[in-house]
Amino acid sequence: MAEVARLGFSAAPAVRWLAEEARLKFVADPFGLWRDGRLYLFVEAYDYRSRHGIIEVIELDGAFSPVRRSVVLREPWHLSYPHVFEADGQVWMLPEAHRSGALTLYRAAAFPNVWEPVARLKLDTPAIDATPFRHGGLWWLAYSPTGPQRWKQGRLHLAFAERLSGPWRLHPGNPVRNNLASSRPGGTVWIEDAMPVLPVQDCTLTYGGAIRQLKFLRLDPDRFEAEASAPLAPPSDVGRYAMGLHTLSAAGSVTLFDVKRIDRSLWPSRREAASCAS
């Protein structure tokens, strides 16, 4: 039994999909930035034969047609969840790399292809799917801890700092959430009514089975309160790729997401799909 999905994107009103990956490969965890009328889609590219993920960029033109694809980050350890964002006049990437034992912040030396490590963010655990955002004059990180699978999929930790490079302080309420339905980060934070909203994975039935919106009601260095929405439905035209909505992120007016299906005929193939809908 294998998880299989497909890389795609959309401009309103319909979702559009890119060609499927080759067998035993998948792409997932889409994050994007616009530059000069082009959308740069950063993804995890995984090969089941090496059991190793690298970070690739797929360049889409203004009509959302792919024009170029290249590897932008490769390390001795597995990489995924390439959260790219802009701050302080620079472009940054904070990829998930907990198997390295650290969380490393990268800066674009030459966007989009050249990235240099600039800081190791010191936390209580090698963070999983670390998601940075600003609130109340501070930088915040939402992440899941390493440990048993139940922790990786069902606990949410927070840390805060005055500067992106740290030093980072742990929220005293950690883990601020402890349930499989709405804890593990799953995309970029947006602001609603002056409060952050974090996409979180619903892993109740399967890893990345759905996305919920976690609306922060109170967030400061001493307190945390939030409520989760019902699971979001995947696009209506996913067809057989309806077994999970795993990531939800924003690139301007475009929303990126990935979905999956289960294929019992493959070993051990999963081809995750990244999609974007505006």
Protein backbone atom coordinates (compact mmCIF):
# COMPACT_ATOMS: atom_id res chain seq x y z
CA MET A 1 0.00 0.00 0.00
CA ALA A 2 1.40 3.40 -0.97
CA GLU A 3 0.39 7.03 -0.85
CA VAL A 4 0.29 8.60 -4.31
CA ALA A 5 -0.47 12.16 -5.30
CA ARG A 6 0.12 14.73 -7.98
CA LEU A 7 1.75 18.15 -8.28
CA GLY A 8 -0.55 20.90 -9.49
CA PHE A 9 -1.57 24.54 -9.40
CA SER A 10 -4.59 26.62 -10.26
CA ALA A 11 -5.76 30.03 -11.26
CA ALA A 12 -9.37 30.86 -10.54
CA PRO A 13 -11.78 29.34 -11.07
CA ALA A 14 -10.35 25.85 -11.68
CA VAL A 15 -7.54 23.81 -10.15
CA ARG A 16 -4.85 22.85 -12.64
CA TRP A 17 -2.38 20.02 -12.20
CA LEU A 18 1.17 19.46 -13.36
CA ALA A 19 2.31 16.15 -14.81
CA GLU A 20 2.69 13.29 -12.37
CA GLU A 21 6.13 12.42 -11.07
CA ALA A 22 7.97 9.29 -12.17
CA ARG A 23 7.30 6.10 -10.26
CA LEU A 24 8.88 5.95 -6.78
CA LYS A 25 9.06 9.76 -6.59
CA PHE A 26 6.83 12.51 -5.26
CA VAL A 27 6.82 16.24 -4.60
CA ALA A 28 5.03 17.84 -1.65
CA ASP A 29 5.04 20.70 0.88
CA PRO A 30 4.58 23.60 -1.57
CA PHE A 31 5.61 27.15 -0.63
CA GLY A 32 5.88 30.01 -3.10
CA LEU A 33 7.10 33.53 -3.81
CA TRP A 34 6.43 35.84 -6.74
CA ARG A 35 9.27 37.58 -8.59
CA ASP A 36 8.94 39.68 -11.77
CA GLY A 37 5.59 38.18 -12.69
CA ARG A 38 6.68 34.59 -12.10
CA LEU A 39 5.74 32.21 -9.32
CA TYR A 40 8.61 30.26 -7.78
CA LEU A 41 7.21 27.11 -6.23
CA PHE A 42 9.52 25.49 -3.65
CA VAL A 43 8.80 21.83 -2.89
CA GLU A 44 10.17 18.75 -1.21
CA ALA A 45 11.25 16.26 -3.89
CA TYR A 46 11.45 12.75 -2.48
CA ASP A 47 12.81 9.55 -4.02
CA TYR A 48 11.77 6.28 -2.40
CA ARG A 49 14.89 4.55 -3.69
CA SER A 50 17.21 6.81 -1.71
CA ARG A 51 14.62 7.56 1.01
CA HIS A 52 15.88 11.10 0.93
CA GLY A 53 14.24 14.46 0.29
CA ILE A 54 15.80 17.48 -1.39
CA ILE A 55 14.42 20.94 -2.12
CA GLU A 56 13.55 21.91 -5.68
CA VAL A 57 12.09 25.04 -7.24
CA ILE A 58 9.58 24.98 -10.08
CA GLU A 59 9.32 28.27 -11.94
CA LEU A 60 5.89 29.11 -13.36
CA ASP A 61 5.25 31.96 -15.80
CA GLY A 62 2.36 34.40 -15.59
CA ALA A 63 0.07 31.87 -17.26
CA PHE A 64 1.05 29.26 -14.63
CA SER A 65 2.99 27.20 -17.16
CA PRO A 66 6.17 25.55 -15.81
CA VAL A 67 9.28 26.92 -17.52
CA ARG A 68 12.14 25.67 -15.36
CA ARG A 69 12.85 23.23 -12.53
CA SER A 70 16.04 22.81 -10.55
CA VAL A 71 17.51 21.54 -7.29
CA VAL A 72 18.19 24.42 -4.90
CA LEU A 73 19.13 22.68 -1.65
CA ARG A 74 20.64 19.29 -1.01
CA GLU A 75 22.10 18.13 2.31
CA PRO A 76 23.36 14.79 3.67
CA TRP A 77 20.09 14.58 5.64
CA HIS A 78 16.44 14.54 4.58
CA LEU A 79 14.87 17.92 3.79
CA SER A 80 11.20 18.86 3.46
CA TYR A 81 8.70 21.66 4.20
CA PRO A 82 10.73 24.47 2.52
CA HIS A 83 9.06 27.45 4.17
CA VAL A 84 10.24 30.47 2.15
CA PHE A 85 9.43 34.02 3.25
CA GLU A 86 10.63 37.61 3.08
CA ALA A 87 11.84 39.69 6.03
CA ASP A 88 14.28 42.54 6.59
CA GLY A 89 14.82 42.97 2.86
CA GLN A 90 15.99 39.37 2.44
CA VAL A 91 14.49 36.06 1.32
CA TRP A 92 14.75 33.22 3.83
CA MET A 93 14.08 29.50 3.90
CA LEU A 94 13.43 27.40 6.98
CA PRO A 95 13.28 23.77 5.79
CA GLU A 96 12.37 20.85 8.02
CA ALA A 97 15.53 18.85 8.74
CA HIS A 98 15.05 17.23 12.14
CA ARG A 99 17.21 14.24 11.17
CA SER A 100 20.18 16.61 11.16
CA GLY A 101 19.52 17.31 14.84
CA ALA A 102 19.01 21.02 14.21
CA LEU A 103 16.81 23.69 12.64
CA THR A 104 18.85 25.77 10.18
CA LEU A 105 17.85 29.13 8.74
CA TYR A 106 19.00 29.76 5.16
CA ARG A 107 19.24 33.04 3.25
CA ALA A 108 18.98 33.42 -0.53
CA ALA A 109 22.42 34.46 -1.75
CA ALA A 110 21.12 34.43 -5.33
CA PHE A 111 17.36 33.82 -5.57
CA PRO A 112 16.03 31.26 -6.30
CA ASN A 113 18.92 28.81 -6.70
CA VAL A 114 21.66 29.67 -4.19
CA TRP A 115 21.03 29.40 -0.44
CA GLU A 116 23.48 29.82 2.42
CA PRO A 117 23.03 28.71 6.05
CA VAL A 118 23.12 31.69 8.39
CA ALA A 119 21.91 30.47 11.79
CA ARG A 120 20.99 27.36 13.76
CA LEU A 121 17.88 28.10 15.78
CA LYS A 122 18.25 26.63 19.26
CA LEU A 123 15.06 25.13 20.66
CA ASP A 124 14.12 22.34 23.04
CA THR A 125 13.98 19.78 20.21
CA PRO A 126 14.91 19.50 16.53
CA ALA A 127 11.75 21.16 15.24
CA ILE A 128 9.40 19.47 12.77
CA ASP A 129 7.60 21.65 10.20
CA ALA A 130 8.70 24.87 11.89
CA THR A 131 6.49 27.76 10.77
CA PRO A 132 7.65 31.35 11.44
CA PHE A 133 5.37 34.37 11.75
CA ARG A 134 5.20 37.83 13.33
CA HIS A 135 2.81 38.83 16.10
CA GLY A 136 2.87 41.42 18.86
CA GLY A 137 6.26 42.79 17.85
CA LEU A 138 7.91 39.36 18.13
CA TRP A 139 8.94 36.52 15.89
CA TRP A 140 7.14 33.27 16.64
CA LEU A 141 7.82 29.68 15.67
CA ALA A 142 5.12 27.02 15.64
CA TYR A 143 6.49 23.47 15.39
CA SER A 144 6.05 19.86 16.43
CA PRO A 145 8.69 18.05 18.51
CA THR A 146 10.68 14.96 17.73
CA GLY A 147 9.93 11.83 19.73
CA PRO A 148 7.23 9.19 19.40
CA GLN A 149 5.03 9.36 16.31
CA ARG A 150 2.17 10.58 18.48
CA TRP A 151 4.23 13.65 19.40
CA LYS A 152 5.31 14.36 15.84
CA GLN A 153 1.73 14.33 14.59
CA GLY A 154 -0.16 15.48 17.66
CA ARG A 155 1.78 18.11 19.61
CA LEU A 156 2.26 21.82 18.96
CA HIS A 157 5.08 23.83 20.53
CA LEU A 158 5.73 27.58 20.36
CA ALA A 159 8.84 29.71 20.74
CA PHE A 160 9.37 33.46 20.40
CA ALA A 161 12.25 35.88 19.82
CA GLU A 162 12.95 39.52 19.11
CA ARG A 163 15.10 38.59 16.11
CA LEU A 164 14.69 35.86 13.54
CA SER A 165 18.12 34.45 14.34
CA GLY A 166 17.28 34.28 18.05
CA PRO A 167 17.84 33.76 20.89
CA TRP A 168 14.56 31.86 21.06
CA ARG A 169 12.53 31.44 24.25
CA LEU A 170 10.13 28.55 24.77
CA HIS A 171 6.50 29.20 25.55
CA PRO A 172 5.78 28.06 29.13
CA GLY A 173 2.64 26.25 27.98
CA ASN A 174 4.45 23.80 25.69
CA PRO A 175 3.01 21.65 24.35
CA VAL A 176 0.30 24.24 23.82
CA ARG A 177 -1.79 21.64 21.97
CA ASN A 178 -1.80 17.88 22.36
CA ASN A 179 -4.15 16.15 19.95
CA LEU A 180 -3.91 14.45 16.57
CA ALA A 181 -6.71 16.50 15.05
CA SER A 182 -5.18 19.99 15.09
CA SER A 183 -1.57 20.33 16.24
CA ARG A 184 1.13 19.73 13.60
CA PRO A 185 1.78 22.82 11.42
CA GLY A 186 0.79 22.52 7.79
CA GLY A 187 1.50 25.78 5.94
CA THR A 188 1.84 29.55 6.13
CA VAL A 189 0.22 31.70 8.79
CA TRP A 190 -2.22 34.41 7.77
CA ILE A 191 -3.84 37.18 9.82
CA GLU A 192 -7.55 37.42 10.57
CA ASP A 193 -8.94 40.08 12.92
CA ALA A 194 -5.36 40.96 13.94
CA MET A 195 -4.69 37.40 15.13
CA PRO A 196 -2.67 34.60 13.49
CA VAL A 197 -4.34 31.64 11.82
CA LEU A 198 -2.13 28.56 11.45
CA PRO A 199 -2.99 25.69 9.09
CA VAL A 200 -2.61 22.46 11.05
CA GLN A 201 -2.77 18.85 9.98
CA ASP A 202 -5.54 16.52 11.03
CA CYS A 203 -3.72 13.22 11.53
CA THR A 204 -6.59 11.44 13.26
CA LEU A 205 -7.05 8.84 10.53
CA THR A 206 -3.82 9.21 8.56
CA TYR A 207 -0.79 11.49 8.41
CA GLY A 208 -1.78 14.59 6.47
CA GLY A 209 -5.36 13.41 6.23
CA ALA A 210 -6.85 16.91 6.34
CA ILE A 211 -6.11 20.56 7.12
CA ARG A 212 -7.82 22.61 9.80
CA GLN A 213 -7.49 26.32 10.53
CA LEU A 214 -6.16 26.99 14.03
CA LYS A 215 -7.33 30.49 14.98
CA PHE A 216 -5.24 32.02 17.77
CA LEU A 217 -7.50 33.78 20.26
CA ARG A 218 -4.73 34.80 22.66
CA LEU A 219 -0.98 34.71 22.10
CA ASP A 220 1.74 36.32 24.18
CA PRO A 221 4.89 35.08 25.96
CA ASP A 222 2.81 33.81 28.89
CA ARG A 223 -0.55 32.78 27.46
CA PHE A 224 -2.01 30.84 24.55
CA GLU A 225 -5.56 30.09 23.50
CA ALA A 226 -6.83 28.85 20.15
CA GLU A 227 -9.73 27.11 18.46
CA ALA A 228 -9.65 24.82 15.43
CA SER A 229 -12.04 24.84 12.51
CA ALA A 230 -13.68 21.84 10.95
CA PRO A 231 -11.50 20.01 8.39
CA LEU A 232 -11.21 21.82 5.07
CA ALA A 233 -12.51 19.98 2.04
CA PRO A 234 -10.06 19.36 -0.82
CA PRO A 235 -10.91 20.80 -4.26
CA SER A 236 -13.87 19.16 -5.92
CA ASP A 237 -11.86 18.01 -8.94
CA VAL A 238 -9.15 16.01 -7.17
CA GLY A 239 -10.78 12.79 -8.32
CA ARG A 240 -8.97 9.82 -6.85
CA TYR A 241 -6.55 12.12 -4.98
CA ALA A 242 -9.04 12.66 -2.16
CA MET A 243 -7.32 10.79 0.69
CA GLY A 244 -5.69 13.80 2.27
CA LEU A 245 -5.16 17.55 2.20
CA HIS A 246 -1.70 17.93 3.71
CA THR A 247 -0.33 21.48 3.22
CA LEU A 248 -1.95 24.89 2.75
CA SER A 249 0.22 27.91 2.01
CA ALA A 250 -0.08 31.30 0.33
CA ALA A 251 1.85 33.09 -2.41
CA GLY A 252 0.18 36.44 -2.89
CA SER A 253 -3.36 35.76 -4.14
CA VAL A 254 -2.51 32.14 -4.92
CA THR A 255 -3.15 29.34 -2.45
CA LEU A 256 -0.90 26.28 -2.60
CA PHE A 257 -1.81 22.84 -1.33
CA ASP A 258 -0.97 19.17 -1.70
CA VAL A 259 -3.24 16.14 -1.72
CA LYS A 260 -2.82 12.37 -1.88
CA ARG A 261 -4.41 9.04 -2.69
CA ILE A 262 -3.72 5.47 -1.61
CA ASP A 263 -2.49 2.98 -4.22
CA ARG A 264 -2.33 -0.62 -3.02
CA SER A 265 -0.60 -1.82 -6.18
CA LEU A 266 2.64 0.09 -5.74
CA TRP A 267 5.70 -0.52 -3.62
CA PRO A 268 6.65 1.78 -2.00
CA SER A 269 5.58 4.64 -4.20
CA ARG A 270 4.12 7.90 -2.99
CA ARG A 271 3.84 10.87 -5.31
CA GLU A 272 2.61 13.79 -3.31
CA ALA A 273 0.83 16.58 -5.12
CA ALA A 274 1.31 20.25 -4.59
CA SER A 275 -1.49 22.37 -5.91
CA CYS A 276 -2.21 26.02 -5.89
CA ALA A 277 -5.55 27.72 -6.14
CA SER A 278 -6.17 31.43 -6.40
